[in-house]
Amino acid sequence: MLVIYQLISIGLLVLITQNEYENFHVLLFPNFYQDYISSLFCQIFLILNAMFVLFLSMDHDQSFFKPLISFFHRDKVYFVKYLFFVIHIMIFYIFIIMIYMSIPHLLIDLDMQFNAFLFIDIGLDMFLILNLILIFIKDKHKTLAILIVSIYILISLFIPSKHAFIYYILPIYQFDKDINFIELLYKICYISLGMSIYFLKSLKEDI
């Protein structure tokens, strides 16, 4: 699945980068093209990232995990499972950043600016979605994970950032909102709390 999403990512970024203008337009107006590609990138890959986490983790409550708990400690099984998700998300997201920086340079000779706060914010959203799916979605109702991703996409792209109370409840990236360091720290704490809730819930639930 990881390779499939990587190929889809390359294809989408190539489509975003391609345009009907001549190369000298890119040389004359580099800031315009940087903003244009960055804006499309955020909207399209925000959805793609959420879908990647959805298909990666929606089957997390499969019954074949249960016998493993009998042979290994419960905490070890859930920790390894969570680590598996984290590693896959990190590999995928690092790949996304690499092609975002390289494909525009290769195709239209445009050097994209690296916005660290933007990439960190969108990347943290993937772990936030992961926590929500792991906490609330069980195998019998795994299709409800689609609802979590749909709400995330709706808030990120269509709900104005002036509704600040939404960010306190669910601190996800919003397309029309500036990012600052304090909000990133708040999101990291929020994700850490979600991870703790998931482990406590997993350790206490019946097999």
C-alpha atoms as a PDB file:
ATOM      1  CA  MET A   1       0.000   0.000   0.000  1.00  0.00           C
ATOM      2  CA  LEU A   2       2.845   2.385   0.793  1.00  0.00           C
ATOM      3  CA  VAL A   3       4.310   2.034  -2.708  1.00  0.00           C
ATOM      4  CA  ILE A   4       0.897   2.599  -4.312  1.00  0.00           C
ATOM      5  CA  TYR A   5       0.407   5.857  -2.416  1.00  0.00           C
ATOM      6  CA  GLN A   6       3.937   6.946  -3.282  1.00  0.00           C
ATOM      7  CA  LEU A   7       3.206   6.436  -6.981  1.00  0.00           C
ATOM      8  CA  ILE A   8      -0.078   8.315  -6.645  1.00  0.00           C
ATOM      9  CA  SER A   9       1.783  11.161  -4.916  1.00  0.00           C
ATOM     10  CA  ILE A  10       4.315  11.436  -7.717  1.00  0.00           C
ATOM     11  CA  GLY A  11       1.559  11.470 -10.323  1.00  0.00           C
ATOM     12  CA  LEU A  12      -0.442  14.156  -8.512  1.00  0.00           C
ATOM     13  CA  LEU A  13       2.565  16.400  -8.005  1.00  0.00           C
ATOM     14  CA  VAL A  14       3.533  16.067 -11.670  1.00  0.00           C
ATOM     15  CA  LEU A  15      -0.012  17.120 -12.621  1.00  0.00           C
ATOM     16  CA  ILE A  16       0.140  20.070 -10.224  1.00  0.00           C
ATOM     17  CA  THR A  17       3.483  21.202 -11.610  1.00  0.00           C
ATOM     18  CA  GLN A  18       2.512  20.959 -15.272  1.00  0.00           C
ATOM     19  CA  ASN A  19       1.023  24.156 -16.721  1.00  0.00           C
ATOM     20  CA  GLU A  20       0.405  25.872 -20.038  1.00  0.00           C
ATOM     21  CA  TYR A  21       2.864  28.718 -19.498  1.00  0.00           C
ATOM     22  CA  GLU A  22       6.328  29.050 -20.956  1.00  0.00           C
ATOM     23  CA  ASN A  23       9.441  28.552 -18.868  1.00  0.00           C
ATOM     24  CA  PHE A  24      10.324  32.220 -18.984  1.00  0.00           C
ATOM     25  CA  HIS A  25       7.053  32.974 -17.142  1.00  0.00           C
ATOM     26  CA  VAL A  26       8.300  30.817 -14.304  1.00  0.00           C
ATOM     27  CA  LEU A  27      11.597  32.696 -14.291  1.00  0.00           C
ATOM     28  CA  LEU A  28       9.825  36.073 -14.303  1.00  0.00           C
ATOM     29  CA  PHE A  29       7.230  35.242 -11.655  1.00  0.00           C
ATOM     30  CA  PRO A  30       8.725  32.559  -9.400  1.00  0.00           C
ATOM     31  CA  ASN A  31       6.836  33.714  -6.296  1.00  0.00           C
ATOM     32  CA  PHE A  32       3.507  33.334  -8.061  1.00  0.00           C
ATOM     33  CA  TYR A  33       4.281  29.752  -9.089  1.00  0.00           C
ATOM     34  CA  GLN A  34       5.649  28.879  -5.676  1.00  0.00           C
ATOM     35  CA  ASP A  35       2.425  30.088  -4.033  1.00  0.00           C
ATOM     36  CA  TYR A  36       0.297  28.401  -6.698  1.00  0.00           C
ATOM     37  CA  ILE A  37       1.947  24.992  -6.343  1.00  0.00           C
ATOM     38  CA  SER A  38       2.123  25.255  -2.556  1.00  0.00           C
ATOM     39  CA  SER A  39      -1.595  26.091  -2.322  1.00  0.00           C
ATOM     40  CA  LEU A  40      -2.634  23.166  -4.529  1.00  0.00           C
ATOM     41  CA  PHE A  41      -0.203  20.884  -2.737  1.00  0.00           C
ATOM     42  CA  CYS A  42      -1.731  21.676   0.666  1.00  0.00           C
ATOM     43  CA  GLN A  43      -5.295  21.033  -0.495  1.00  0.00           C
ATOM     44  CA  ILE A  44      -4.650  17.843  -2.459  1.00  0.00           C
ATOM     45  CA  PHE A  45      -2.107  16.202  -0.196  1.00  0.00           C
ATOM     46  CA  LEU A  46      -4.073  17.055   2.926  1.00  0.00           C
ATOM     47  CA  ILE A  47      -6.776  14.762   1.539  1.00  0.00           C
ATOM     48  CA  LEU A  48      -4.269  12.151   0.325  1.00  0.00           C
ATOM     49  CA  ASN A  49      -2.493  12.049   3.701  1.00  0.00           C
ATOM     50  CA  ALA A  50      -5.780  11.523   5.513  1.00  0.00           C
ATOM     51  CA  MET A  51      -6.757   8.723   3.141  1.00  0.00           C
ATOM     52  CA  PHE A  52      -3.361   7.079   3.635  1.00  0.00           C
ATOM     53  CA  VAL A  53      -3.818   7.014   7.423  1.00  0.00           C
ATOM     54  CA  LEU A  54      -7.384   5.761   6.978  1.00  0.00           C
ATOM     55  CA  PHE A  55      -6.448   2.732   4.883  1.00  0.00           C
ATOM     56  CA  LEU A  56      -3.351   2.087   6.974  1.00  0.00           C
ATOM     57  CA  SER A  57      -5.107   1.929  10.327  1.00  0.00           C
ATOM     58  CA  MET A  58      -8.806   1.165   9.842  1.00  0.00           C
ATOM     59  CA  ASP A  59      -8.135  -2.591  10.213  1.00  0.00           C
ATOM     60  CA  HIS A  60      -6.129  -2.178  13.408  1.00  0.00           C
ATOM     61  CA  ASP A  61      -8.615  -4.171  15.511  1.00  0.00           C
ATOM     62  CA  GLN A  62      -8.343  -7.426  13.572  1.00  0.00           C
ATOM     63  CA  SER A  63      -8.852 -10.635  15.556  1.00  0.00           C
ATOM     64  CA  PHE A  64      -5.449 -12.081  14.640  1.00  0.00           C
ATOM     65  CA  PHE A  65      -3.871  -9.642  17.123  1.00  0.00           C
ATOM     66  CA  LYS A  66      -5.657 -11.326  20.025  1.00  0.00           C
ATOM     67  CA  PRO A  67      -3.577 -14.565  20.103  1.00  0.00           C
ATOM     68  CA  LEU A  68      -0.376 -12.503  20.096  1.00  0.00           C
ATOM     69  CA  ILE A  69      -1.367 -11.056  23.457  1.00  0.00           C
ATOM     70  CA  SER A  70      -1.330 -14.570  24.908  1.00  0.00           C
ATOM     71  CA  PHE A  71       2.281 -15.126  23.830  1.00  0.00           C
ATOM     72  CA  PHE A  72       3.625 -11.634  24.461  1.00  0.00           C
ATOM     73  CA  HIS A  73       2.806  -8.951  26.957  1.00  0.00           C
ATOM     74  CA  ARG A  74      -0.215  -6.877  26.049  1.00  0.00           C
ATOM     75  CA  ASP A  75       1.725  -3.617  26.287  1.00  0.00           C
ATOM     76  CA  LYS A  76       4.414  -4.929  23.912  1.00  0.00           C
ATOM     77  CA  VAL A  77       1.854  -5.962  21.268  1.00  0.00           C
ATOM     78  CA  TYR A  78       0.099  -2.587  21.258  1.00  0.00           C
ATOM     79  CA  PHE A  79       3.360  -0.676  21.360  1.00  0.00           C
ATOM     80  CA  VAL A  80       4.751  -2.542  18.329  1.00  0.00           C
ATOM     81  CA  LYS A  81       1.472  -2.049  16.480  1.00  0.00           C
ATOM     82  CA  TYR A  82       1.525   1.699  17.170  1.00  0.00           C
ATOM     83  CA  LEU A  83       5.193   1.900  16.201  1.00  0.00           C
ATOM     84  CA  PHE A  84       4.386   0.133  12.926  1.00  0.00           C
ATOM     85  CA  PHE A  85       1.833   2.824  12.063  1.00  0.00           C
ATOM     86  CA  VAL A  86       4.174   5.659  13.063  1.00  0.00           C
ATOM     87  CA  ILE A  87       7.066   4.347  10.950  1.00  0.00           C
ATOM     88  CA  HIS A  88       4.861   3.952   7.875  1.00  0.00           C
ATOM     89  CA  ILE A  89       3.442   7.449   8.278  1.00  0.00           C
ATOM     90  CA  MET A  90       6.916   8.958   8.677  1.00  0.00           C
ATOM     91  CA  ILE A  91       8.293   7.134   5.632  1.00  0.00           C
ATOM     92  CA  PHE A  92       5.350   8.238   3.520  1.00  0.00           C
ATOM     93  CA  TYR A  93       5.468  11.848   4.690  1.00  0.00           C
ATOM     94  CA  ILE A  94       9.230  12.226   4.249  1.00  0.00           C
ATOM     95  CA  PHE A  95       8.747  10.908   0.716  1.00  0.00           C
ATOM     96  CA  ILE A  96       6.015  13.527   0.136  1.00  0.00           C
ATOM     97  CA  ILE A  97       8.345  16.325   1.243  1.00  0.00           C
ATOM     98  CA  MET A  98      11.151  15.033  -0.985  1.00  0.00           C
ATOM     99  CA  ILE A  99       9.036  14.964  -4.141  1.00  0.00           C
ATOM    100  CA  TYR A 100       7.488  18.343  -3.267  1.00  0.00           C
ATOM    101  CA  MET A 101      10.953  19.892  -3.235  1.00  0.00           C
ATOM    102  CA  SER A 102      12.375  17.984  -6.226  1.00  0.00           C
ATOM    103  CA  ILE A 103       9.671  17.546  -8.892  1.00  0.00           C
ATOM    104  CA  PRO A 104       9.010  21.276  -9.537  1.00  0.00           C
ATOM    105  CA  HIS A 105      12.769  21.789  -9.812  1.00  0.00           C
ATOM    106  CA  LEU A 106      13.139  18.941 -12.307  1.00  0.00           C
ATOM    107  CA  LEU A 107      10.115  19.807 -14.456  1.00  0.00           C
ATOM    108  CA  ILE A 108       9.995  23.612 -14.526  1.00  0.00           C
ATOM    109  CA  ASP A 109      13.265  24.572 -12.813  1.00  0.00           C
ATOM    110  CA  LEU A 110      11.417  26.095  -9.857  1.00  0.00           C
ATOM    111  CA  ASP A 111      12.914  25.915  -6.376  1.00  0.00           C
ATOM    112  CA  MET A 112      10.141  25.508  -3.820  1.00  0.00           C
ATOM    113  CA  GLN A 113      10.457  27.157  -0.436  1.00  0.00           C
ATOM    114  CA  PHE A 114      10.542  24.827   2.552  1.00  0.00           C
ATOM    115  CA  ASN A 115       7.981  25.989   5.118  1.00  0.00           C
ATOM    116  CA  ALA A 116       8.882  23.979   8.196  1.00  0.00           C
ATOM    117  CA  PHE A 117       5.828  25.024  10.231  1.00  0.00           C
ATOM    118  CA  LEU A 118       3.496  24.068   7.376  1.00  0.00           C
ATOM    119  CA  PHE A 119       4.988  20.604   6.909  1.00  0.00           C
ATOM    120  CA  ILE A 120       5.103  19.920  10.644  1.00  0.00           C
ATOM    121  CA  ASP A 121       1.497  21.032  11.070  1.00  0.00           C
ATOM    122  CA  ILE A 122       0.139  18.878   8.231  1.00  0.00           C
ATOM    123  CA  GLY A 123       2.336  15.958   9.295  1.00  0.00           C
ATOM    124  CA  LEU A 124       1.072  16.095  12.889  1.00  0.00           C
ATOM    125  CA  ASP A 125      -2.476  15.889  11.558  1.00  0.00           C
ATOM    126  CA  MET A 126      -1.715  12.382  10.327  1.00  0.00           C
ATOM    127  CA  PHE A 127      -0.857  11.263  13.865  1.00  0.00           C
ATOM    128  CA  LEU A 128      -3.944  13.014  15.220  1.00  0.00           C
ATOM    129  CA  ILE A 129      -6.167  11.107  12.773  1.00  0.00           C
ATOM    130  CA  LEU A 130      -4.320   7.898  13.660  1.00  0.00           C
ATOM    131  CA  ASN A 131      -5.067   8.371  17.368  1.00  0.00           C
ATOM    132  CA  LEU A 132      -8.749   9.062  16.735  1.00  0.00           C
ATOM    133  CA  ILE A 133      -9.107   5.919  14.623  1.00  0.00           C
ATOM    134  CA  LEU A 134      -7.239   3.744  17.122  1.00  0.00           C
ATOM    135  CA  ILE A 135      -9.284   5.030  20.063  1.00  0.00           C
ATOM    136  CA  PHE A 136     -12.798   5.080  18.609  1.00  0.00           C
ATOM    137  CA  ILE A 137     -12.894   2.572  15.746  1.00  0.00           C
ATOM    138  CA  LYS A 138     -13.378  -1.127  16.375  1.00  0.00           C
ATOM    139  CA  ASP A 139     -13.492  -3.936  13.830  1.00  0.00           C
ATOM    140  CA  LYS A 140     -17.312  -4.174  13.867  1.00  0.00           C
ATOM    141  CA  HIS A 141     -17.684  -0.492  12.986  1.00  0.00           C
ATOM    142  CA  LYS A 142     -14.505   0.230  11.050  1.00  0.00           C
ATOM    143  CA  THR A 143     -16.371   2.014   8.256  1.00  0.00           C
ATOM    144  CA  LEU A 144     -16.963   4.836  10.762  1.00  0.00           C
ATOM    145  CA  ALA A 145     -13.295   5.714  10.286  1.00  0.00           C
ATOM    146  CA  ILE A 146     -14.400   7.298   7.012  1.00  0.00           C
ATOM    147  CA  LEU A 147     -16.533   9.687   9.073  1.00  0.00           C
ATOM    148  CA  ILE A 148     -13.483  10.812  11.071  1.00  0.00           C
ATOM    149  CA  VAL A 149     -11.525  11.519   7.894  1.00  0.00           C
ATOM    150  CA  SER A 150     -14.503  13.289   6.305  1.00  0.00           C
ATOM    151  CA  ILE A 151     -14.895  15.594   9.316  1.00  0.00           C
ATOM    152  CA  TYR A 152     -11.170  16.315   9.223  1.00  0.00           C
ATOM    153  CA  ILE A 153     -11.255  17.264   5.524  1.00  0.00           C
ATOM    154  CA  LEU A 154     -14.401  19.356   6.006  1.00  0.00           C
ATOM    155  CA  ILE A 155     -12.928  21.377   8.879  1.00  0.00           C
ATOM    156  CA  SER A 156      -9.509  21.787   7.261  1.00  0.00           C
ATOM    157  CA  LEU A 157     -10.703  23.011   3.872  1.00  0.00           C
ATOM    158  CA  PHE A 158     -14.161  24.519   4.367  1.00  0.00           C
ATOM    159  CA  ILE A 159     -14.619  25.758   7.954  1.00  0.00           C
ATOM    160  CA  PRO A 160     -13.193  29.310   8.435  1.00  0.00           C
ATOM    161  CA  SER A 161     -10.446  29.603  11.034  1.00  0.00           C
ATOM    162  CA  LYS A 162     -12.358  32.421  12.792  1.00  0.00           C
ATOM    163  CA  HIS A 163     -14.220  29.692  14.676  1.00  0.00           C
ATOM    164  CA  ALA A 164     -11.372  29.318  17.164  1.00  0.00           C
ATOM    165  CA  PHE A 165     -13.269  26.996  19.510  1.00  0.00           C
ATOM    166  CA  ILE A 166     -13.060  24.246  16.875  1.00  0.00           C
ATOM    167  CA  TYR A 167      -9.260  24.391  16.994  1.00  0.00           C
ATOM    168  CA  TYR A 168      -9.236  23.947  20.782  1.00  0.00           C
ATOM    169  CA  ILE A 169     -11.439  20.856  20.466  1.00  0.00           C
ATOM    170  CA  LEU A 170      -9.701  19.430  17.392  1.00  0.00           C
ATOM    171  CA  PRO A 171      -6.404  21.225  16.605  1.00  0.00           C
ATOM    172  CA  ILE A 172      -6.052  20.364  12.936  1.00  0.00           C
ATOM    173  CA  TYR A 173      -4.564  22.317  10.057  1.00  0.00           C
ATOM    174  CA  GLN A 174      -6.878  24.926   8.535  1.00  0.00           C
ATOM    175  CA  PHE A 175      -6.178  26.189   5.053  1.00  0.00           C
ATOM    176  CA  ASP A 176      -6.823  29.889   5.780  1.00  0.00           C
ATOM    177  CA  LYS A 177      -5.004  30.027   9.113  1.00  0.00           C
ATOM    178  CA  ASP A 178      -1.438  31.078   9.877  1.00  0.00           C
ATOM    179  CA  ILE A 179       0.667  28.630  11.862  1.00  0.00           C
ATOM    180  CA  ASN A 180       2.660  29.546  14.951  1.00  0.00           C
ATOM    181  CA  PHE A 181       4.967  27.673  17.300  1.00  0.00           C
ATOM    182  CA  ILE A 182       2.603  27.725  20.307  1.00  0.00           C
ATOM    183  CA  GLU A 183      -0.140  26.024  18.308  1.00  0.00           C
ATOM    184  CA  LEU A 184       2.284  23.323  17.187  1.00  0.00           C
ATOM    185  CA  LEU A 185       3.203  22.657  20.825  1.00  0.00           C
ATOM    186  CA  TYR A 186      -0.488  22.473  21.701  1.00  0.00           C
ATOM    187  CA  LYS A 187      -1.039  19.959  18.897  1.00  0.00           C
ATOM    188  CA  ILE A 188       1.922  17.842  20.040  1.00  0.00           C
ATOM    189  CA  CYS A 189       0.487  17.755  23.577  1.00  0.00           C
ATOM    190  CA  TYR A 190      -2.924  16.863  22.132  1.00  0.00           C
ATOM    191  CA  ILE A 191      -1.416  13.963  20.145  1.00  0.00           C
ATOM    192  CA  SER A 192       0.551  12.772  23.187  1.00  0.00           C
ATOM    193  CA  LEU A 193      -2.660  12.758  25.222  1.00  0.00           C
ATOM    194  CA  GLY A 194      -4.418  10.774  22.502  1.00  0.00           C
ATOM    195  CA  MET A 195      -1.594   8.254  22.398  1.00  0.00           C
ATOM    196  CA  SER A 196      -1.766   7.850  26.191  1.00  0.00           C
ATOM    197  CA  ILE A 197      -5.537   7.345  26.076  1.00  0.00           C
ATOM    198  CA  TYR A 198      -5.111   4.700  23.372  1.00  0.00           C
ATOM    199  CA  PHE A 199      -2.562   2.725  25.402  1.00  0.00           C
ATOM    200  CA  LEU A 200      -4.573   2.963  28.633  1.00  0.00           C
ATOM    201  CA  LYS A 201      -7.728   1.885  26.808  1.00  0.00           C
ATOM    202  CA  SER A 202      -5.900  -1.002  25.115  1.00  0.00           C
ATOM    203  CA  LEU A 203      -4.395  -2.267  28.375  1.00  0.00           C
ATOM    204  CA  LYS A 204      -7.782  -2.367  30.135  1.00  0.00           C
ATOM    205  CA  GLU A 205     -10.079  -3.728  27.428  1.00  0.00           C
ATOM    206  CA  ASP A 206     -11.125  -7.369  27.367  1.00  0.00           C
ATOM    207  CA  ILE A 207      -9.493  -9.667  24.834  1.00  0.00           C
END
